[in-house]
Amino acid sequence: MYYVYILRSIAHPKQTYIGYTHDLKTRLAQHNAGKSAHTSKFAPWALASYIAFPDESLAIRMEKYLKSGSGHSFAKRHLLAPKPGTDSKFTPEQRQR
């Protein structure tokens, strides 16, 4: 399996990162160990969401889409919880449905 994942910085909650991998646990550990130039300055990271795909080409296509403008909007609406400290359009009861 291949995974497209979204990370949220624990120290800087407005920062997110989108990537893909075949080993999610190891890749998260690499991000938190500072082994990625793109994520090291906002570490530590927490896994916010992920999607599993049976083949690499589908994962690459989804990663590319999520990094686009419409993909960012899709992720905000469907894959990410509201950022800490921001108002949500939904009440807590609506979010639990």
N, C-alpha and C. Protein backbone atom coordinates (compact mmCIF):
# COMPACT_ATOMS: atom_id res chain seq x y z
N MET A 1 0.83 -1.19 0.00
CA MET A 1 0.00 0.00 0.00
C MET A 1 0.88 1.24 0.00
N TYR A 2 0.32 2.30 -0.56
CA TYR A 2 0.96 3.62 -0.56
C TYR A 2 0.01 4.59 0.12
N TYR A 3 0.58 5.53 0.84
CA TYR A 3 -0.21 6.44 1.64
C TYR A 3 0.07 7.89 1.27
N VAL A 4 -0.99 8.66 1.08
CA VAL A 4 -0.88 10.11 0.97
C VAL A 4 -1.25 10.61 2.36
N TYR A 5 -0.40 11.47 2.91
CA TYR A 5 -0.61 11.89 4.28
C TYR A 5 -0.55 13.40 4.41
N ILE A 6 -1.21 13.89 5.45
CA ILE A 6 -1.18 15.30 5.78
C ILE A 6 -0.68 15.40 7.21
N LEU A 7 0.37 16.17 7.40
CA LEU A 7 0.92 16.40 8.72
C LEU A 7 0.53 17.81 9.18
N ARG A 8 0.38 17.98 10.49
CA ARG A 8 0.18 19.31 11.06
C ARG A 8 1.27 19.51 12.11
N SER A 9 1.91 20.67 12.03
CA SER A 9 2.95 20.99 13.00
C SER A 9 2.33 21.16 14.39
N ILE A 10 2.93 20.55 15.38
CA ILE A 10 2.45 20.69 16.75
C ILE A 10 2.83 22.07 17.29
N ALA A 11 4.03 22.52 16.98
CA ALA A 11 4.50 23.82 17.47
C ALA A 11 3.90 25.00 16.70
N HIS A 12 3.55 24.78 15.43
CA HIS A 12 3.00 25.83 14.56
C HIS A 12 1.76 25.26 13.86
N PRO A 13 0.61 25.20 14.54
CA PRO A 13 -0.57 24.48 14.03
C PRO A 13 -1.10 24.97 12.68
N LYS A 14 -0.72 26.15 12.23
CA LYS A 14 -1.18 26.62 10.93
C LYS A 14 -0.39 25.97 9.78
N GLN A 15 0.72 25.34 10.12
CA GLN A 15 1.57 24.72 9.11
C GLN A 15 1.15 23.27 8.87
N THR A 16 0.95 22.93 7.60
CA THR A 16 0.67 21.55 7.22
C THR A 16 1.65 21.13 6.13
N TYR A 17 1.77 19.83 5.97
CA TYR A 17 2.64 19.27 4.93
C TYR A 17 1.93 18.07 4.33
N ILE A 18 2.00 17.96 3.00
CA ILE A 18 1.38 16.84 2.28
C ILE A 18 2.48 16.04 1.60
N GLY A 19 2.42 14.72 1.73
CA GLY A 19 3.40 13.86 1.08
C GLY A 19 2.82 12.48 0.83
N TYR A 20 3.65 11.59 0.26
CA TYR A 20 3.22 10.20 0.08
C TYR A 20 4.39 9.28 0.41
N THR A 21 4.06 8.06 0.81
CA THR A 21 5.07 7.10 1.22
C THR A 21 4.48 5.69 1.18
N HIS A 22 5.34 4.70 1.27
CA HIS A 22 4.86 3.33 1.42
C HIS A 22 4.98 2.87 2.89
N ASP A 23 5.66 3.66 3.73
CA ASP A 23 5.84 3.32 5.14
C ASP A 23 5.54 4.55 6.00
N LEU A 24 4.31 4.69 6.39
CA LEU A 24 3.84 5.89 7.07
C LEU A 24 4.53 6.13 8.42
N LYS A 25 4.68 5.10 9.20
CA LYS A 25 5.28 5.24 10.53
C LYS A 25 6.73 5.72 10.43
N THR A 26 7.50 5.11 9.53
CA THR A 26 8.90 5.50 9.36
C THR A 26 9.01 6.91 8.81
N ARG A 27 8.13 7.26 7.85
CA ARG A 27 8.20 8.59 7.25
C ARG A 27 7.89 9.68 8.27
N LEU A 28 6.90 9.47 9.14
CA LEU A 28 6.60 10.44 10.19
C LEU A 28 7.80 10.60 11.12
N ALA A 29 8.44 9.51 11.46
CA ALA A 29 9.63 9.57 12.32
C ALA A 29 10.75 10.37 11.64
N GLN A 30 10.91 10.20 10.33
CA GLN A 30 11.92 10.96 9.59
C GLN A 30 11.62 12.46 9.62
N HIS A 31 10.34 12.82 9.42
CA HIS A 31 9.97 14.23 9.49
C HIS A 31 10.28 14.79 10.88
N ASN A 32 9.95 14.06 11.92
CA ASN A 32 10.18 14.54 13.28
C ASN A 32 11.65 14.53 13.68
N ALA A 33 12.47 13.76 12.99
CA ALA A 33 13.91 13.73 13.27
C ALA A 33 14.66 14.80 12.48
N GLY A 34 13.94 15.59 11.69
CA GLY A 34 14.57 16.67 10.93
C GLY A 34 15.26 16.21 9.66
N LYS A 35 14.90 15.04 9.14
CA LYS A 35 15.56 14.50 7.95
C LYS A 35 14.97 15.01 6.64
N SER A 36 13.97 15.90 6.72
CA SER A 36 13.41 16.53 5.53
C SER A 36 13.60 18.03 5.64
N ALA A 37 14.25 18.61 4.64
CA ALA A 37 14.52 20.05 4.66
C ALA A 37 13.22 20.86 4.66
N HIS A 38 12.18 20.31 4.06
CA HIS A 38 10.91 21.03 3.95
C HIS A 38 10.13 21.08 5.25
N THR A 39 10.39 20.16 6.16
CA THR A 39 9.59 20.09 7.38
C THR A 39 10.39 20.31 8.65
N SER A 40 11.70 20.34 8.57
CA SER A 40 12.51 20.37 9.80
C SER A 40 12.28 21.59 10.66
N LYS A 41 12.04 22.75 10.08
CA LYS A 41 11.91 23.95 10.92
C LYS A 41 10.56 24.05 11.63
N PHE A 42 9.59 23.22 11.27
CA PHE A 42 8.29 23.25 11.94
C PHE A 42 8.02 22.00 12.77
N ALA A 43 9.04 21.16 12.99
CA ALA A 43 8.89 19.95 13.80
C ALA A 43 8.61 20.34 15.25
N PRO A 44 7.95 19.51 15.99
CA PRO A 44 7.47 18.17 15.67
C PRO A 44 6.14 18.20 14.92
N TRP A 45 5.86 17.09 14.24
CA TRP A 45 4.67 16.94 13.41
C TRP A 45 3.77 15.85 13.96
N ALA A 46 2.48 16.00 13.71
CA ALA A 46 1.50 14.96 14.06
C ALA A 46 0.75 14.60 12.79
N LEU A 47 0.39 13.36 12.67
CA LEU A 47 -0.39 12.90 11.53
C LEU A 47 -1.81 13.44 11.65
N ALA A 48 -2.25 14.24 10.67
CA ALA A 48 -3.59 14.81 10.69
C ALA A 48 -4.57 13.93 9.92
N SER A 49 -4.10 13.32 8.82
CA SER A 49 -4.97 12.51 7.99
C SER A 49 -4.12 11.69 7.03
N TYR A 50 -4.67 10.57 6.56
CA TYR A 50 -3.99 9.82 5.51
C TYR A 50 -5.02 9.04 4.71
N ILE A 51 -4.63 8.71 3.48
CA ILE A 51 -5.46 7.92 2.57
C ILE A 51 -4.58 6.82 2.00
N ALA A 52 -5.05 5.59 1.99
CA ALA A 52 -4.29 4.46 1.47
C ALA A 52 -4.69 4.18 0.02
N PHE A 53 -3.69 3.84 -0.81
CA PHE A 53 -3.91 3.51 -2.21
C PHE A 53 -3.19 2.20 -2.53
N PRO A 54 -3.76 1.40 -3.42
CA PRO A 54 -3.15 0.10 -3.75
C PRO A 54 -1.91 0.22 -4.64
N ASP A 55 -1.77 1.33 -5.36
CA ASP A 55 -0.56 1.46 -6.18
C ASP A 55 -0.01 2.87 -6.13
N GLU A 56 1.27 2.96 -6.42
CA GLU A 56 2.01 4.21 -6.27
C GLU A 56 1.50 5.32 -7.19
N SER A 57 1.11 4.99 -8.41
CA SER A 57 0.69 6.03 -9.35
C SER A 57 -0.55 6.77 -8.85
N LEU A 58 -1.48 6.06 -8.24
CA LEU A 58 -2.66 6.71 -7.67
C LEU A 58 -2.29 7.63 -6.51
N ALA A 59 -1.38 7.17 -5.68
CA ALA A 59 -0.93 7.98 -4.54
C ALA A 59 -0.25 9.26 -5.03
N ILE A 60 0.57 9.15 -6.05
CA ILE A 60 1.26 10.33 -6.59
C ILE A 60 0.26 11.32 -7.16
N ARG A 61 -0.74 10.82 -7.86
CA ARG A 61 -1.77 11.71 -8.43
C ARG A 61 -2.55 12.42 -7.33
N MET A 62 -2.90 11.71 -6.25
CA MET A 62 -3.63 12.34 -5.16
C MET A 62 -2.76 13.35 -4.43
N GLU A 63 -1.50 13.02 -4.20
CA GLU A 63 -0.59 13.98 -3.56
C GLU A 63 -0.51 15.26 -4.38
N LYS A 64 -0.34 15.12 -5.68
CA LYS A 64 -0.25 16.29 -6.56
C LYS A 64 -1.54 17.12 -6.49
N TYR A 65 -2.69 16.44 -6.49
CA TYR A 65 -3.97 17.15 -6.40
C TYR A 65 -4.09 17.90 -5.08
N LEU A 66 -3.76 17.24 -3.97
CA LEU A 66 -3.90 17.88 -2.66
C LEU A 66 -2.97 19.09 -2.52
N LYS A 67 -1.89 19.12 -3.29
CA LYS A 67 -0.98 20.26 -3.25
C LYS A 67 -1.44 21.41 -4.15
N SER A 68 -2.49 21.18 -4.93
CA SER A 68 -3.04 22.24 -5.80
C SER A 68 -4.00 23.11 -4.99
N GLY A 69 -4.41 24.21 -5.57
CA GLY A 69 -5.35 25.11 -4.89
C GLY A 69 -6.66 24.45 -4.53
N SER A 70 -7.27 23.76 -5.50
CA SER A 70 -8.54 23.09 -5.21
C SER A 70 -8.33 21.92 -4.26
N GLY A 71 -7.17 21.28 -4.33
CA GLY A 71 -6.86 20.18 -3.42
C GLY A 71 -6.71 20.66 -1.98
N HIS A 72 -6.09 21.84 -1.80
CA HIS A 72 -5.99 22.42 -0.45
C HIS A 72 -7.39 22.67 0.12
N SER A 73 -8.28 23.21 -0.71
CA SER A 73 -9.65 23.47 -0.26
C SER A 73 -10.35 22.16 0.10
N PHE A 74 -10.18 21.13 -0.74
CA PHE A 74 -10.78 19.82 -0.47
C PHE A 74 -10.28 19.28 0.86
N ALA A 75 -8.96 19.35 1.08
CA ALA A 75 -8.38 18.82 2.32
C ALA A 75 -8.93 19.57 3.53
N LYS A 76 -9.03 20.88 3.43
CA LYS A 76 -9.56 21.66 4.56
C LYS A 76 -10.99 21.24 4.89
N ARG A 77 -11.81 21.03 3.86
CA ARG A 77 -13.21 20.68 4.08
C ARG A 77 -13.42 19.25 4.53
N HIS A 78 -12.62 18.32 4.00
CA HIS A 78 -12.93 16.91 4.20
C HIS A 78 -11.90 16.08 4.97
N LEU A 79 -10.67 16.55 5.06
CA LEU A 79 -9.63 15.71 5.65
C LEU A 79 -9.01 16.27 6.92
N LEU A 80 -9.17 17.56 7.17
CA LEU A 80 -8.53 18.18 8.32
C LEU A 80 -9.55 18.68 9.34
N ALA A 81 -9.23 18.48 10.60
CA ALA A 81 -10.04 19.09 11.67
C ALA A 81 -9.73 20.58 11.68
N PRO A 82 -10.63 21.40 12.22
CA PRO A 82 -10.34 22.83 12.30
C PRO A 82 -9.05 23.08 13.06
N LYS A 83 -8.32 24.12 12.66
CA LYS A 83 -7.09 24.47 13.35
C LYS A 83 -7.41 24.86 14.78
N PRO A 84 -6.54 24.51 15.71
CA PRO A 84 -6.78 24.90 17.10
C PRO A 84 -6.91 26.42 17.22
N GLY A 85 -7.89 26.87 18.00
CA GLY A 85 -8.07 28.29 18.22
C GLY A 85 -8.88 29.00 17.15
N THR A 86 -9.42 28.26 16.18
CA THR A 86 -10.25 28.90 15.16
C THR A 86 -11.69 28.48 15.34
N ASP A 87 -12.57 29.32 14.87
CA ASP A 87 -13.99 29.00 14.94
C ASP A 87 -14.33 28.06 13.80
N SER A 88 -15.19 27.13 14.08
CA SER A 88 -15.68 26.20 13.07
C SER A 88 -17.10 26.57 12.70
N LYS A 89 -17.51 26.24 11.48
CA LYS A 89 -18.88 26.47 11.05
C LYS A 89 -19.85 25.54 11.77
N PHE A 90 -19.34 24.48 12.37
CA PHE A 90 -20.19 23.45 12.94
C PHE A 90 -20.13 23.45 14.46
N THR A 91 -21.24 23.10 15.07
CA THR A 91 -21.27 22.93 16.52
C THR A 91 -20.61 21.60 16.86
N PRO A 92 -20.19 21.39 18.12
CA PRO A 92 -19.59 20.10 18.48
C PRO A 92 -20.51 18.92 18.17
N GLU A 93 -21.83 19.09 18.33
CA GLU A 93 -22.76 18.01 18.04
C GLU A 93 -22.75 17.66 16.55
N GLN A 94 -22.68 18.67 15.69
CA GLN A 94 -22.66 18.43 14.25
C GLN A 94 -21.37 17.74 13.83
N ARG A 95 -20.24 18.06 14.46
CA ARG A 95 -18.97 17.45 14.11
C ARG A 95 -18.92 15.97 14.46
N GLN A 96 -19.72 15.53 15.44
CA GLN A 96 -19.70 14.14 15.85
C GLN A 96 -20.50 13.24 14.93
N ARG A 97 -21.28 13.79 14.04
CA ARG A 97 -22.10 12.98 13.13
C ARG A 97 -21.28 12.36 12.04
